[in-house]
Amino acid sequence: MKVDVAVVGASFAGVSAAIMLARARRDVVLIDDGRTRNRQAHSSHGFLGMDGAAPAAIRDKGLAEVLAYPTVRHLEGRVTGIRGKSDAFVLDGPEPVEAARVILAYGQRDILPEIPGLAECWGQTVAQCPYCHGYELADRTTGLLAWEAIPMHHSVHLQDWTDDLVLLENGVEVTAEDAAGLSRPGLRRVVGRVLRVHHSEGAIEAVELEGGRRVEMRALYLVTWQEPASDLGEVLGCAVVKTPTGRHLEVDEHQRTTVPGVFAAGDLARPYPSATQAASTGNRAGAACHQDLLGLLK
């Protein structure tokens, strides 16, 4: 298959990029395996016109819209390799694809602490972003899990969603400077490592600490470590930005990576996850990619 642009990833960012190219009447193929970052979440919030809809429903609606354009195709499966250069990329996957440009939109993956029961609650009553999930989890006894470091930002950030916040120090050292920032109403500190999360079908009930102590709660926040969901960009030679919470691909204001002809969008190209920002950067990448094909992007 020969196309103008191959988009790797068909969630909010990838579909948004493809629709811009489709409206420019370019041949586009979307390739993905359906394993989106937000697949555990029941609903997505803050997305204009779609507040409360399931992420999969938003993605499926967008995919159906873009596939209504005659120049767009969708291949289900995983891209296992990309080689070549601008105007002559070759993608290995469900079927071989030749593309003049590539947009990487395969997203990030969240690395969770290896605590039994935690993953089963992820995206339901264990969350990272209060803007995404805080309204539904508000006014509950809420845990905040330290992991690698004390999440100082969240300790203040969560005060508009709960006045009963339990900082689970989880063996992380609290400095004198941290301690000063943690002395606020409604926050209590609990020492000891977290050994297990007790839940009922994803609804958290308590955490178990070393020594057998249980701390009751009905919501839990943590900051995950975030990694690209594939190494395709790095194998191509795209530069990577390292942050205190993970790694993402470096892009400029047009969503161009450091490799000519390769663009990146969505969480893959940002330090913080956001459905609306993923769609926005996908939109920008699609338009910029089209201008690049025309030789207009300098």
C-alpha atoms as a PDB file:
ATOM      1  CA  MET A   1       0.000   0.000   0.000  1.00  0.00           C
ATOM      2  CA  LYS A   2       1.362   3.424  -0.956  1.00  0.00           C
ATOM      3  CA  VAL A   3       0.025   6.480   0.873  1.00  0.00           C
ATOM      4  CA  ASP A   4       0.920  10.080   1.520  1.00  0.00           C
ATOM      5  CA  VAL A   5       0.822   9.642   5.295  1.00  0.00           C
ATOM      6  CA  ALA A   6       0.845   6.660   7.639  1.00  0.00           C
ATOM      7  CA  VAL A   7      -0.554   7.385  11.087  1.00  0.00           C
ATOM      8  CA  VAL A   8       0.570   4.929  13.764  1.00  0.00           C
ATOM      9  CA  GLY A   9      -2.112   4.930  16.440  1.00  0.00           C
ATOM     10  CA  ALA A  10      -5.832   5.513  15.981  1.00  0.00           C
ATOM     11  CA  SER A  11      -7.063   7.041  19.209  1.00  0.00           C
ATOM     12  CA  PHE A  12      -7.785  10.733  19.869  1.00  0.00           C
ATOM     13  CA  ALA A  13      -4.495  12.061  18.468  1.00  0.00           C
ATOM     14  CA  GLY A  14      -4.181   9.757  15.479  1.00  0.00           C
ATOM     15  CA  VAL A  15      -7.779  10.127  14.320  1.00  0.00           C
ATOM     16  CA  SER A  16      -7.612  13.918  14.730  1.00  0.00           C
ATOM     17  CA  ALA A  17      -4.467  14.006  12.586  1.00  0.00           C
ATOM     18  CA  ALA A  18      -6.028  11.784   9.928  1.00  0.00           C
ATOM     19  CA  ILE A  19      -9.171  13.877   9.570  1.00  0.00           C
ATOM     20  CA  MET A  20      -7.150  16.987   8.724  1.00  0.00           C
ATOM     21  CA  LEU A  21      -5.276  15.075   6.032  1.00  0.00           C
ATOM     22  CA  ALA A  22      -8.486  13.504   4.745  1.00  0.00           C
ATOM     23  CA  ARG A  23     -10.031  16.922   4.331  1.00  0.00           C
ATOM     24  CA  ALA A  24      -6.933  17.907   2.374  1.00  0.00           C
ATOM     25  CA  ARG A  25      -7.769  14.915   0.103  1.00  0.00           C
ATOM     26  CA  ARG A  26      -4.573  13.060   0.902  1.00  0.00           C
ATOM     27  CA  ASP A  27      -4.239   9.265   1.010  1.00  0.00           C
ATOM     28  CA  VAL A  28      -3.916   8.189   4.643  1.00  0.00           C
ATOM     29  CA  VAL A  29      -3.713   4.907   6.482  1.00  0.00           C
ATOM     30  CA  LEU A  30      -4.346   4.566  10.206  1.00  0.00           C
ATOM     31  CA  ILE A  31      -2.692   1.558  11.847  1.00  0.00           C
ATOM     32  CA  ASP A  32      -3.273   0.465  15.421  1.00  0.00           C
ATOM     33  CA  ASP A  33      -3.864  -2.518  17.678  1.00  0.00           C
ATOM     34  CA  GLY A  34      -6.665  -0.949  19.743  1.00  0.00           C
ATOM     35  CA  ARG A  35      -4.757  -0.976  23.048  1.00  0.00           C
ATOM     36  CA  THR A  36      -5.373   2.633  24.005  1.00  0.00           C
ATOM     37  CA  ARG A  37      -3.928   4.154  27.168  1.00  0.00           C
ATOM     38  CA  ASN A  38      -7.369   5.008  28.549  1.00  0.00           C
ATOM     39  CA  ARG A  39      -8.987   1.617  27.875  1.00  0.00           C
ATOM     40  CA  GLN A  40      -9.561   0.943  31.606  1.00  0.00           C
ATOM     41  CA  ALA A  41     -11.524   4.162  32.157  1.00  0.00           C
ATOM     42  CA  HIS A  42     -15.316   4.007  32.063  1.00  0.00           C
ATOM     43  CA  SER A  43     -15.720   7.636  31.009  1.00  0.00           C
ATOM     44  CA  SER A  44     -13.814  10.625  29.700  1.00  0.00           C
ATOM     45  CA  HIS A  45     -14.401  14.139  30.979  1.00  0.00           C
ATOM     46  CA  GLY A  46     -13.623  17.653  29.837  1.00  0.00           C
ATOM     47  CA  PHE A  47     -13.922  16.743  26.148  1.00  0.00           C
ATOM     48  CA  LEU A  48     -16.201  19.327  24.523  1.00  0.00           C
ATOM     49  CA  GLY A  49     -19.514  17.772  23.516  1.00  0.00           C
ATOM     50  CA  MET A  50     -18.534  14.329  24.816  1.00  0.00           C
ATOM     51  CA  ASP A  51     -18.335  14.802  28.580  1.00  0.00           C
ATOM     52  CA  GLY A  52     -19.007  11.497  30.335  1.00  0.00           C
ATOM     53  CA  ALA A  53     -18.763   9.351  27.217  1.00  0.00           C
ATOM     54  CA  ALA A  54     -16.619   6.222  27.287  1.00  0.00           C
ATOM     55  CA  PRO A  55     -13.180   6.779  25.716  1.00  0.00           C
ATOM     56  CA  ALA A  56     -13.783   3.839  23.384  1.00  0.00           C
ATOM     57  CA  ALA A  57     -17.071   5.393  22.227  1.00  0.00           C
ATOM     58  CA  ILE A  58     -15.371   8.720  21.461  1.00  0.00           C
ATOM     59  CA  ARG A  59     -12.625   6.936  19.574  1.00  0.00           C
ATOM     60  CA  ASP A  60     -15.061   4.747  17.619  1.00  0.00           C
ATOM     61  CA  LYS A  61     -17.197   7.746  16.653  1.00  0.00           C
ATOM     62  CA  GLY A  62     -14.149   9.658  15.450  1.00  0.00           C
ATOM     63  CA  LEU A  63     -12.826   6.668  13.555  1.00  0.00           C
ATOM     64  CA  ALA A  64     -16.159   6.185  11.806  1.00  0.00           C
ATOM     65  CA  GLU A  65     -16.182   9.857  10.833  1.00  0.00           C
ATOM     66  CA  VAL A  66     -12.692   9.812   9.338  1.00  0.00           C
ATOM     67  CA  LEU A  67     -13.269   6.517   7.517  1.00  0.00           C
ATOM     68  CA  ALA A  68     -16.221   8.121   5.740  1.00  0.00           C
ATOM     69  CA  TYR A  69     -13.626   9.998   3.682  1.00  0.00           C
ATOM     70  CA  PRO A  70     -12.690   7.906   0.626  1.00  0.00           C
ATOM     71  CA  THR A  71      -8.939   8.508   0.941  1.00  0.00           C
ATOM     72  CA  VAL A  72      -8.596   6.973   4.434  1.00  0.00           C
ATOM     73  CA  ARG A  73      -8.050   3.330   5.361  1.00  0.00           C
ATOM     74  CA  HIS A  74      -7.683   1.610   8.726  1.00  0.00           C
ATOM     75  CA  LEU A  75      -5.497  -1.428   9.366  1.00  0.00           C
ATOM     76  CA  GLU A  76      -5.911  -3.313  12.633  1.00  0.00           C
ATOM     77  CA  GLY A  77      -2.655  -4.611  14.052  1.00  0.00           C
ATOM     78  CA  ARG A  78       0.676  -3.521  15.421  1.00  0.00           C
ATOM     79  CA  VAL A  79       3.414  -1.743  13.496  1.00  0.00           C
ATOM     80  CA  THR A  80       6.588  -3.693  14.231  1.00  0.00           C
ATOM     81  CA  GLY A  81       9.096  -1.543  12.397  1.00  0.00           C
ATOM     82  CA  ILE A  82       9.632   1.661  10.417  1.00  0.00           C
ATOM     83  CA  ARG A  83      12.594   2.297   8.166  1.00  0.00           C
ATOM     84  CA  GLY A  84      13.605   4.656   5.404  1.00  0.00           C
ATOM     85  CA  LYS A  85      13.495   8.430   5.218  1.00  0.00           C
ATOM     86  CA  SER A  86      11.237  11.321   4.265  1.00  0.00           C
ATOM     87  CA  ASP A  87       9.275  10.561   1.068  1.00  0.00           C
ATOM     88  CA  ALA A  88      10.274   6.890   1.337  1.00  0.00           C
ATOM     89  CA  PHE A  89       9.255   5.343   4.667  1.00  0.00           C
ATOM     90  CA  VAL A  90       8.366   1.657   4.863  1.00  0.00           C
ATOM     91  CA  LEU A  91       6.223   0.343   7.719  1.00  0.00           C
ATOM     92  CA  ASP A  92       6.050  -3.312   8.690  1.00  0.00           C
ATOM     93  CA  GLY A  93       2.783  -4.416  10.241  1.00  0.00           C
ATOM     94  CA  PRO A  94      -0.555  -5.957   9.252  1.00  0.00           C
ATOM     95  CA  GLU A  95       0.575  -5.356   5.674  1.00  0.00           C
ATOM     96  CA  PRO A  96       3.555  -3.468   4.218  1.00  0.00           C
ATOM     97  CA  VAL A  97       2.993   0.274   3.785  1.00  0.00           C
ATOM     98  CA  GLU A  98       5.037   2.857   1.909  1.00  0.00           C
ATOM     99  CA  ALA A  99       4.494   6.444   3.058  1.00  0.00           C
ATOM    100  CA  ALA A 100       5.934   9.848   2.280  1.00  0.00           C
ATOM    101  CA  ARG A 101       5.353  11.016   5.869  1.00  0.00           C
ATOM    102  CA  VAL A 102       4.688   9.357   9.215  1.00  0.00           C
ATOM    103  CA  ILE A 103       2.714  10.601  12.213  1.00  0.00           C
ATOM    104  CA  LEU A 104       3.420   8.735  15.437  1.00  0.00           C
ATOM    105  CA  ALA A 105       0.403   8.743  17.760  1.00  0.00           C
ATOM    106  CA  TYR A 106       0.700   5.440  19.604  1.00  0.00           C
ATOM    107  CA  GLY A 107       0.661   7.110  22.999  1.00  0.00           C
ATOM    108  CA  GLN A 108       2.231   6.285  26.327  1.00  0.00           C
ATOM    109  CA  ARG A 109       1.909   3.490  28.830  1.00  0.00           C
ATOM    110  CA  ASP A 110       1.618   3.985  32.575  1.00  0.00           C
ATOM    111  CA  ILE A 111       4.010   1.982  34.729  1.00  0.00           C
ATOM    112  CA  LEU A 112       2.302   1.245  38.061  1.00  0.00           C
ATOM    113  CA  PRO A 113       3.931   0.169  41.308  1.00  0.00           C
ATOM    114  CA  GLU A 114       3.833  -3.599  41.703  1.00  0.00           C
ATOM    115  CA  ILE A 115       1.223  -3.621  44.460  1.00  0.00           C
ATOM    116  CA  PRO A 116      -1.365  -6.430  44.282  1.00  0.00           C
ATOM    117  CA  GLY A 117      -4.855  -5.091  43.595  1.00  0.00           C
ATOM    118  CA  LEU A 118      -3.704  -1.703  42.312  1.00  0.00           C
ATOM    119  CA  ALA A 119      -3.957  -2.453  38.591  1.00  0.00           C
ATOM    120  CA  GLU A 120      -7.481  -3.854  39.006  1.00  0.00           C
ATOM    121  CA  CYS A 121      -8.643  -0.444  40.298  1.00  0.00           C
ATOM    122  CA  TRP A 122      -6.694   1.640  37.766  1.00  0.00           C
ATOM    123  CA  GLY A 123      -8.936   3.968  35.780  1.00  0.00           C
ATOM    124  CA  GLN A 124     -11.858   3.368  38.122  1.00  0.00           C
ATOM    125  CA  THR A 125     -11.155   4.345  41.732  1.00  0.00           C
ATOM    126  CA  VAL A 126      -7.378   4.664  41.375  1.00  0.00           C
ATOM    127  CA  ALA A 127      -6.475   7.623  39.197  1.00  0.00           C
ATOM    128  CA  GLN A 128      -3.793  10.117  38.289  1.00  0.00           C
ATOM    129  CA  CYS A 129      -5.630  13.215  37.047  1.00  0.00           C
ATOM    130  CA  PRO A 130      -8.283  14.849  39.253  1.00  0.00           C
ATOM    131  CA  TYR A 131      -9.563  16.898  36.308  1.00  0.00           C
ATOM    132  CA  CYS A 132     -10.419  13.635  34.564  1.00  0.00           C
ATOM    133  CA  HIS A 133     -11.813  11.705  37.521  1.00  0.00           C
ATOM    134  CA  GLY A 134     -11.907  13.992  40.573  1.00  0.00           C
ATOM    135  CA  TYR A 135     -15.512  15.127  40.282  1.00  0.00           C
ATOM    136  CA  GLU A 136     -16.802  11.546  40.407  1.00  0.00           C
ATOM    137  CA  LEU A 137     -14.402  10.597  43.217  1.00  0.00           C
ATOM    138  CA  ALA A 138     -15.009  13.728  45.292  1.00  0.00           C
ATOM    139  CA  ASP A 139     -15.963  13.925  48.982  1.00  0.00           C
ATOM    140  CA  ARG A 140     -14.478  10.543  49.847  1.00  0.00           C
ATOM    141  CA  THR A 141     -11.665   9.466  52.084  1.00  0.00           C
ATOM    142  CA  THR A 142      -8.907   9.635  49.499  1.00  0.00           C
ATOM    143  CA  GLY A 143      -5.426   8.170  49.484  1.00  0.00           C
ATOM    144  CA  LEU A 144      -2.360   9.712  47.855  1.00  0.00           C
ATOM    145  CA  LEU A 145       0.376   7.169  47.207  1.00  0.00           C
ATOM    146  CA  ALA A 146       4.008   8.207  47.370  1.00  0.00           C
ATOM    147  CA  TRP A 147       6.180   6.301  44.932  1.00  0.00           C
ATOM    148  CA  GLU A 148       9.809   7.208  44.326  1.00  0.00           C
ATOM    149  CA  ALA A 149       9.001  10.699  45.678  1.00  0.00           C
ATOM    150  CA  ILE A 150       6.375  12.568  47.672  1.00  0.00           C
ATOM    151  CA  PRO A 151       3.741  13.921  45.197  1.00  0.00           C
ATOM    152  CA  MET A 152       3.752  17.423  46.674  1.00  0.00           C
ATOM    153  CA  HIS A 153       1.742  18.958  43.846  1.00  0.00           C
ATOM    154  CA  HIS A 154      -1.139  16.525  44.356  1.00  0.00           C
ATOM    155  CA  SER A 155      -1.107  17.050  48.134  1.00  0.00           C
ATOM    156  CA  VAL A 156      -2.230  20.646  47.545  1.00  0.00           C
ATOM    157  CA  HIS A 157      -4.008  20.066  44.243  1.00  0.00           C
ATOM    158  CA  LEU A 158      -6.589  17.648  45.652  1.00  0.00           C
ATOM    159  CA  GLN A 159      -7.949  19.943  48.357  1.00  0.00           C
ATOM    160  CA  ASP A 160     -10.897  21.081  46.201  1.00  0.00           C
ATOM    161  CA  TRP A 161     -11.998  17.467  45.725  1.00  0.00           C
ATOM    162  CA  THR A 162     -11.581  16.105  49.253  1.00  0.00           C
ATOM    163  CA  ASP A 163     -11.071  17.361  52.794  1.00  0.00           C
ATOM    164  CA  ASP A 164      -9.968  13.903  53.985  1.00  0.00           C
ATOM    165  CA  LEU A 165      -6.664  13.092  52.282  1.00  0.00           C
ATOM    166  CA  VAL A 166      -4.379  10.294  53.482  1.00  0.00           C
ATOM    167  CA  LEU A 167      -0.762  10.546  52.353  1.00  0.00           C
ATOM    168  CA  LEU A 168       0.612   7.024  52.149  1.00  0.00           C
ATOM    169  CA  GLU A 169       4.340   7.660  52.558  1.00  0.00           C
ATOM    170  CA  ASN A 170       5.111   4.113  51.411  1.00  0.00           C
ATOM    171  CA  GLY A 171       8.689   4.161  52.683  1.00  0.00           C
ATOM    172  CA  VAL A 172       9.600   7.429  50.924  1.00  0.00           C
ATOM    173  CA  GLU A 173      11.597   9.861  53.043  1.00  0.00           C
ATOM    174  CA  VAL A 174       9.785  13.099  53.891  1.00  0.00           C
ATOM    175  CA  THR A 175      12.190  16.036  54.016  1.00  0.00           C
ATOM    176  CA  ALA A 176      11.762  18.993  56.341  1.00  0.00           C
ATOM    177  CA  GLU A 177      10.777  21.107  53.345  1.00  0.00           C
ATOM    178  CA  ASP A 178       8.176  18.520  52.280  1.00  0.00           C
ATOM    179  CA  ALA A 179       6.810  18.297  55.814  1.00  0.00           C
ATOM    180  CA  ALA A 180       6.134  22.035  55.880  1.00  0.00           C
ATOM    181  CA  GLY A 181       4.108  21.760  52.695  1.00  0.00           C
ATOM    182  CA  LEU A 182       2.129  18.807  54.052  1.00  0.00           C
ATOM    183  CA  SER A 183       0.894  20.561  57.174  1.00  0.00           C
ATOM    184  CA  ARG A 184      -2.511  21.580  55.879  1.00  0.00           C
ATOM    185  CA  PRO A 185      -6.042  20.900  57.168  1.00  0.00           C
ATOM    186  CA  GLY A 186      -7.582  17.662  56.016  1.00  0.00           C
ATOM    187  CA  LEU A 187      -4.293  15.875  55.277  1.00  0.00           C
ATOM    188  CA  ARG A 188      -2.949  13.103  57.481  1.00  0.00           C
ATOM    189  CA  ARG A 189       0.233  11.155  56.984  1.00  0.00           C
ATOM    190  CA  VAL A 190       0.557   7.392  57.289  1.00  0.00           C
ATOM    191  CA  VAL A 191       3.968   5.716  57.422  1.00  0.00           C
ATOM    192  CA  GLY A 192       4.757   2.174  56.299  1.00  0.00           C
ATOM    193  CA  ARG A 193       4.965   0.440  52.949  1.00  0.00           C
ATOM    194  CA  VAL A 194       1.778  -0.424  51.100  1.00  0.00           C
ATOM    195  CA  LEU A 195       1.575  -4.181  50.538  1.00  0.00           C
ATOM    196  CA  ARG A 196      -1.858  -4.625  48.967  1.00  0.00           C
ATOM    197  CA  VAL A 197      -4.930  -2.803  47.723  1.00  0.00           C
ATOM    198  CA  HIS A 198      -8.235  -4.308  48.842  1.00  0.00           C
ATOM    199  CA  HIS A 199     -11.127  -3.736  46.465  1.00  0.00           C
ATOM    200  CA  SER A 200     -14.422  -5.076  45.190  1.00  0.00           C
ATOM    201  CA  GLU A 201     -14.466  -5.296  41.377  1.00  0.00           C
ATOM    202  CA  GLY A 202     -12.261  -2.226  41.038  1.00  0.00           C
ATOM    203  CA  ALA A 203     -13.853  -0.209  43.838  1.00  0.00           C
ATOM    204  CA  ILE A 204     -11.085   0.411  46.362  1.00  0.00           C
ATOM    205  CA  GLU A 205     -11.940  -0.300  49.991  1.00  0.00           C
ATOM    206  CA  ALA A 206      -8.619  -0.093  51.843  1.00  0.00           C
ATOM    207  CA  VAL A 207      -4.873  -0.453  51.561  1.00  0.00           C
ATOM    208  CA  GLU A 208      -2.928  -2.905  53.676  1.00  0.00           C
ATOM    209  CA  LEU A 209       0.381  -1.763  55.160  1.00  0.00           C
ATOM    210  CA  GLU A 210       3.318  -3.785  56.377  1.00  0.00           C
ATOM    211  CA  GLY A 211       2.439  -5.216  59.769  1.00  0.00           C
ATOM    212  CA  GLY A 212      -1.154  -5.860  58.681  1.00  0.00           C
ATOM    213  CA  ARG A 213      -2.613  -2.407  59.343  1.00  0.00           C
ATOM    214  CA  ARG A 214      -5.527  -1.443  57.079  1.00  0.00           C
ATOM    215  CA  VAL A 215      -6.304   2.123  56.068  1.00  0.00           C
ATOM    216  CA  GLU A 216      -9.817   2.620  54.743  1.00  0.00           C
ATOM    217  CA  MET A 217     -10.369   4.782  51.656  1.00  0.00           C
ATOM    218  CA  ARG A 218     -12.668   5.003  48.663  1.00  0.00           C
ATOM    219  CA  ALA A 219     -10.345   6.681  46.152  1.00  0.00           C
ATOM    220  CA  LEU A 220      -6.598   6.736  45.534  1.00  0.00           C
ATOM    221  CA  TYR A 221      -4.309   8.923  43.458  1.00  0.00           C
ATOM    222  CA  LEU A 222      -0.733   8.386  42.361  1.00  0.00           C
ATOM    223  CA  VAL A 223       1.669   9.739  39.747  1.00  0.00           C
ATOM    224  CA  THR A 224       2.749   6.992  37.365  1.00  0.00           C
ATOM    225  CA  TRP A 225       5.985   6.579  35.452  1.00  0.00           C
ATOM    226  CA  GLN A 226       5.187   7.162  31.767  1.00  0.00           C
ATOM    227  CA  GLU A 227       6.936   5.543  28.798  1.00  0.00           C
ATOM    228  CA  PRO A 228       6.241   5.529  25.046  1.00  0.00           C
ATOM    229  CA  ALA A 229       3.981   2.578  24.233  1.00  0.00           C
ATOM    230  CA  SER A 230       6.411   1.535  21.483  1.00  0.00           C
ATOM    231  CA  ASP A 231      10.074   2.120  20.670  1.00  0.00           C
ATOM    232  CA  LEU A 232       9.368   2.951  17.006  1.00  0.00           C
ATOM    233  CA  GLY A 233      10.235   6.631  17.379  1.00  0.00           C
ATOM    234  CA  GLU A 234      13.462   5.989  19.226  1.00  0.00           C
ATOM    235  CA  VAL A 235      14.549   3.343  16.729  1.00  0.00           C
ATOM    236  CA  LEU A 236      13.964   5.892  13.966  1.00  0.00           C
ATOM    237  CA  GLY A 237      16.259   8.278  15.837  1.00  0.00           C
ATOM    238  CA  CYS A 238      13.694  10.703  17.265  1.00  0.00           C
ATOM    239  CA  ALA A 239      15.047  12.660  20.233  1.00  0.00           C
ATOM    240  CA  VAL A 240      13.503  11.934  23.630  1.00  0.00           C
ATOM    241  CA  VAL A 241      12.717  14.349  26.464  1.00  0.00           C
ATOM    242  CA  LYS A 242      13.244  13.029  29.994  1.00  0.00           C
ATOM    243  CA  THR A 243      11.142  14.388  32.865  1.00  0.00           C
ATOM    244  CA  PRO A 244      10.819  13.495  36.562  1.00  0.00           C
ATOM    245  CA  THR A 245       7.860  11.246  35.689  1.00  0.00           C
ATOM    246  CA  GLY A 246       8.941   9.649  32.432  1.00  0.00           C
ATOM    247  CA  ARG A 247       9.944  10.102  28.808  1.00  0.00           C
ATOM    248  CA  HIS A 248       8.255  11.419  25.655  1.00  0.00           C
ATOM    249  CA  LEU A 249       9.281  12.343  22.119  1.00  0.00           C
ATOM    250  CA  GLU A 250      10.628  15.803  21.459  1.00  0.00           C
ATOM    251  CA  VAL A 251       8.587  17.915  19.003  1.00  0.00           C
ATOM    252  CA  ASP A 252       8.554  21.513  17.806  1.00  0.00           C
ATOM    253  CA  GLU A 253       5.585  23.872  17.509  1.00  0.00           C
ATOM    254  CA  HIS A 254       4.436  21.982  14.394  1.00  0.00           C
ATOM    255  CA  GLN A 255       4.644  18.566  16.096  1.00  0.00           C
ATOM    256  CA  ARG A 256       7.731  17.671  14.046  1.00  0.00           C
ATOM    257  CA  THR A 257      10.162  15.280  15.697  1.00  0.00           C
ATOM    258  CA  THR A 258      13.901  15.604  15.154  1.00  0.00           C
ATOM    259  CA  VAL A 259      13.668  13.161  12.222  1.00  0.00           C
ATOM    260  CA  PRO A 260      12.617  14.827   8.932  1.00  0.00           C
ATOM    261  CA  GLY A 261       9.230  13.619   7.733  1.00  0.00           C
ATOM    262  CA  VAL A 262       8.224  12.190  11.121  1.00  0.00           C
ATOM    263  CA  PHE A 263       5.641  13.946  13.307  1.00  0.00           C
ATOM    264  CA  ALA A 264       4.359  12.970  16.746  1.00  0.00           C
ATOM    265  CA  ALA A 265       1.139  13.870  18.549  1.00  0.00           C
ATOM    266  CA  GLY A 266      -0.853  13.133  21.673  1.00  0.00           C
ATOM    267  CA  ASP A 267       0.526  11.925  24.985  1.00  0.00           C
ATOM    268  CA  LEU A 268       3.545  10.535  23.136  1.00  0.00           C
ATOM    269  CA  ALA A 269       4.686  14.123  22.548  1.00  0.00           C
ATOM    270  CA  ARG A 270       3.710  15.679  25.900  1.00  0.00           C
ATOM    271  CA  PRO A 271       4.737  15.250  29.540  1.00  0.00           C
ATOM    272  CA  TYR A 272       1.143  15.108  30.840  1.00  0.00           C
ATOM    273  CA  PRO A 273      -1.792  12.954  29.680  1.00  0.00           C
ATOM    274  CA  SER A 274      -4.879  14.735  28.328  1.00  0.00           C
ATOM    275  CA  ALA A 275      -7.567  13.584  25.918  1.00  0.00           C
ATOM    276  CA  THR A 276      -8.376  17.099  24.722  1.00  0.00           C
ATOM    277  CA  GLN A 277      -4.713  18.013  24.274  1.00  0.00           C
ATOM    278  CA  ALA A 278      -4.140  14.738  22.429  1.00  0.00           C
ATOM    279  CA  ALA A 279      -6.858  15.661  19.943  1.00  0.00           C
ATOM    280  CA  SER A 280      -5.514  19.200  19.657  1.00  0.00           C
ATOM    281  CA  THR A 281      -1.939  18.147  18.935  1.00  0.00           C
ATOM    282  CA  GLY A 282      -3.202  15.519  16.492  1.00  0.00           C
ATOM    283  CA  ASN A 283      -5.111  18.215  14.638  1.00  0.00           C
ATOM    284  CA  ARG A 284      -1.960  20.359  14.518  1.00  0.00           C
ATOM    285  CA  ALA A 285       0.208  17.462  13.366  1.00  0.00           C
ATOM    286  CA  GLY A 286      -2.169  16.575  10.539  1.00  0.00           C
ATOM    287  CA  ALA A 287      -2.309  20.129   9.214  1.00  0.00           C
ATOM    288  CA  ALA A 288       1.447  20.629   9.547  1.00  0.00           C
ATOM    289  CA  CYS A 289       2.147  17.312   7.854  1.00  0.00           C
ATOM    290  CA  HIS A 290      -0.002  18.368   4.902  1.00  0.00           C
ATOM    291  CA  GLN A 291       1.892  21.654   4.604  1.00  0.00           C
ATOM    292  CA  ASP A 292       5.153  19.731   4.784  1.00  0.00           C
ATOM    293  CA  LEU A 293       4.068  17.584   1.847  1.00  0.00           C
ATOM    294  CA  LEU A 294       3.481  20.792  -0.103  1.00  0.00           C
ATOM    295  CA  GLY A 295       6.889  22.176   0.835  1.00  0.00           C
ATOM    296  CA  LEU A 296       5.341  25.032   2.812  1.00  0.00           C
ATOM    297  CA  LEU A 297       6.658  24.110   6.249  1.00  0.00           C
ATOM    298  CA  LYS A 298      10.019  25.674   6.994  1.00  0.00           C
END
